[in-house]
């Protein structure tokens, strides 16, 4: 299992994605977005899953990263 962090353009997108992940059985925690990743809406999701669950992301998703080590993120997908 890997740890992922997803950032969003809106708080609603983060909440919608958290609900979609929960329906899939993936526990996601809403938390403040690390400044290393974004300053967009300020809310991100941190979750652990077998895959990044990209099909469950809201359309206002900004990016999904893996958390490799403390404060070391690798961007998997980033939308403009």
C-alpha atoms as a PDB file:
ATOM      1  CA  UNK A   1       0.000   0.000   0.000  1.00  0.00           C
ATOM      2  CA  UNK A   2       1.179   3.496  -0.840  1.00  0.00           C
ATOM      3  CA  UNK A   3       0.447   6.854   0.732  1.00  0.00           C
ATOM      4  CA  UNK A   4      -1.026   9.514  -1.564  1.00  0.00           C
ATOM      5  CA  UNK A   5      -1.822  13.211  -1.261  1.00  0.00           C
ATOM      6  CA  UNK A   6      -4.381  14.809  -3.565  1.00  0.00           C
ATOM      7  CA  UNK A   7      -4.775  18.588  -3.821  1.00  0.00           C
ATOM      8  CA  UNK A   8      -7.845  20.408  -5.106  1.00  0.00           C
ATOM      9  CA  UNK A   9      -8.935  23.786  -6.425  1.00  0.00           C
ATOM     10  CA  UNK A  10     -11.948  23.867  -4.039  1.00  0.00           C
ATOM     11  CA  UNK A  11     -12.903  22.546  -0.608  1.00  0.00           C
ATOM     12  CA  UNK A  12     -16.034  20.987  -2.118  1.00  0.00           C
ATOM     13  CA  UNK A  13     -13.910  18.940  -4.543  1.00  0.00           C
ATOM     14  CA  UNK A  14     -11.859  17.602  -1.631  1.00  0.00           C
ATOM     15  CA  UNK A  15     -15.012  16.660   0.292  1.00  0.00           C
ATOM     16  CA  UNK A  16     -16.621  15.034  -2.767  1.00  0.00           C
ATOM     17  CA  UNK A  17     -13.488  12.974  -3.399  1.00  0.00           C
ATOM     18  CA  UNK A  18     -13.257  11.949   0.272  1.00  0.00           C
ATOM     19  CA  UNK A  19     -16.813  10.608   0.025  1.00  0.00           C
ATOM     20  CA  UNK A  20     -16.050   8.755  -3.225  1.00  0.00           C
ATOM     21  CA  UNK A  21     -12.968   7.155  -1.668  1.00  0.00           C
ATOM     22  CA  UNK A  22     -14.944   6.167   1.446  1.00  0.00           C
ATOM     23  CA  UNK A  23     -17.551   4.467  -0.759  1.00  0.00           C
ATOM     24  CA  UNK A  24     -14.692   2.456  -2.245  1.00  0.00           C
ATOM     25  CA  UNK A  25     -13.470   1.497   1.240  1.00  0.00           C
ATOM     26  CA  UNK A  26     -10.447   3.812   1.223  1.00  0.00           C
ATOM     27  CA  UNK A  27      -9.976   5.924   4.335  1.00  0.00           C
ATOM     28  CA  UNK A  28      -9.010   9.495   3.456  1.00  0.00           C
ATOM     29  CA  UNK A  29      -8.133  12.288   5.850  1.00  0.00           C
ATOM     30  CA  UNK A  30      -8.775  15.922   4.961  1.00  0.00           C
ATOM     31  CA  UNK A  31      -5.906  18.125   6.089  1.00  0.00           C
ATOM     32  CA  UNK A  32      -4.186  21.443   5.310  1.00  0.00           C
ATOM     33  CA  UNK A  33      -2.279  21.349   2.029  1.00  0.00           C
ATOM     34  CA  UNK A  34       1.499  21.382   2.506  1.00  0.00           C
ATOM     35  CA  UNK A  35       2.874  24.612   1.004  1.00  0.00           C
ATOM     36  CA  UNK A  36       5.397  22.515  -0.946  1.00  0.00           C
ATOM     37  CA  UNK A  37       2.492  21.231  -3.031  1.00  0.00           C
ATOM     38  CA  UNK A  38       0.035  24.069  -3.534  1.00  0.00           C
ATOM     39  CA  UNK A  39      -1.564  27.193  -2.184  1.00  0.00           C
ATOM     40  CA  UNK A  40      -4.851  26.630  -4.011  1.00  0.00           C
ATOM     41  CA  UNK A  41      -7.791  26.053  -1.627  1.00  0.00           C
ATOM     42  CA  UNK A  42      -5.711  24.934   1.335  1.00  0.00           C
ATOM     43  CA  UNK A  43      -7.370  21.518   1.765  1.00  0.00           C
ATOM     44  CA  UNK A  44      -5.965  18.214   0.581  1.00  0.00           C
ATOM     45  CA  UNK A  45      -6.644  14.523   1.106  1.00  0.00           C
ATOM     46  CA  UNK A  46      -4.119  12.055   2.422  1.00  0.00           C
ATOM     47  CA  UNK A  47      -4.978   8.404   1.892  1.00  0.00           C
ATOM     48  CA  UNK A  48      -3.448   4.951   1.620  1.00  0.00           C
ATOM     49  CA  UNK A  49      -4.438   2.630  -1.215  1.00  0.00           C
ATOM     50  CA  UNK A  50      -3.110   0.016  -3.627  1.00  0.00           C
ATOM     51  CA  UNK A  51      -3.386   2.527  -6.496  1.00  0.00           C
ATOM     52  CA  UNK A  52      -3.892   6.316  -6.686  1.00  0.00           C
ATOM     53  CA  UNK A  53      -7.695   5.940  -7.256  1.00  0.00           C
ATOM     54  CA  UNK A  54      -7.634   8.534 -10.047  1.00  0.00           C
ATOM     55  CA  UNK A  55     -11.107   7.558 -11.271  1.00  0.00           C
ATOM     56  CA  UNK A  56     -12.530   8.683  -7.896  1.00  0.00           C
ATOM     57  CA  UNK A  57     -11.087  12.203  -8.101  1.00  0.00           C
ATOM     58  CA  UNK A  58     -13.384  15.189  -8.524  1.00  0.00           C
ATOM     59  CA  UNK A  59     -12.952  17.210 -11.733  1.00  0.00           C
ATOM     60  CA  UNK A  60     -11.470  20.059  -9.647  1.00  0.00           C
ATOM     61  CA  UNK A  61      -8.516  17.902  -8.579  1.00  0.00           C
ATOM     62  CA  UNK A  62      -5.263  19.817  -8.964  1.00  0.00           C
ATOM     63  CA  UNK A  63      -2.706  17.022  -8.516  1.00  0.00           C
ATOM     64  CA  UNK A  64      -2.052  13.629  -6.956  1.00  0.00           C
ATOM     65  CA  UNK A  65       1.328  12.817  -5.417  1.00  0.00           C
ATOM     66  CA  UNK A  66       2.870   9.885  -3.633  1.00  0.00           C
ATOM     67  CA  UNK A  67       4.381  10.564  -0.256  1.00  0.00           C
ATOM     68  CA  UNK A  68       7.772   8.846  -0.409  1.00  0.00           C
ATOM     69  CA  UNK A  69       9.250  10.081   2.857  1.00  0.00           C
ATOM     70  CA  UNK A  70       8.667  12.875   5.315  1.00  0.00           C
ATOM     71  CA  UNK A  71       7.853  15.906   3.142  1.00  0.00           C
ATOM     72  CA  UNK A  72       9.111  14.237  -0.080  1.00  0.00           C
ATOM     73  CA  UNK A  73       6.391  14.171  -2.716  1.00  0.00           C
ATOM     74  CA  UNK A  74       6.473  12.734  -6.243  1.00  0.00           C
ATOM     75  CA  UNK A  75       3.827  14.126  -8.594  1.00  0.00           C
ATOM     76  CA  UNK A  76       1.865  11.403 -10.403  1.00  0.00           C
ATOM     77  CA  UNK A  77      -0.594  13.625 -12.238  1.00  0.00           C
ATOM     78  CA  UNK A  78      -1.055  17.370 -12.391  1.00  0.00           C
ATOM     79  CA  UNK A  79      -3.864  19.257 -14.112  1.00  0.00           C
ATOM     80  CA  UNK A  80      -3.424  22.772 -15.391  1.00  0.00           C
END
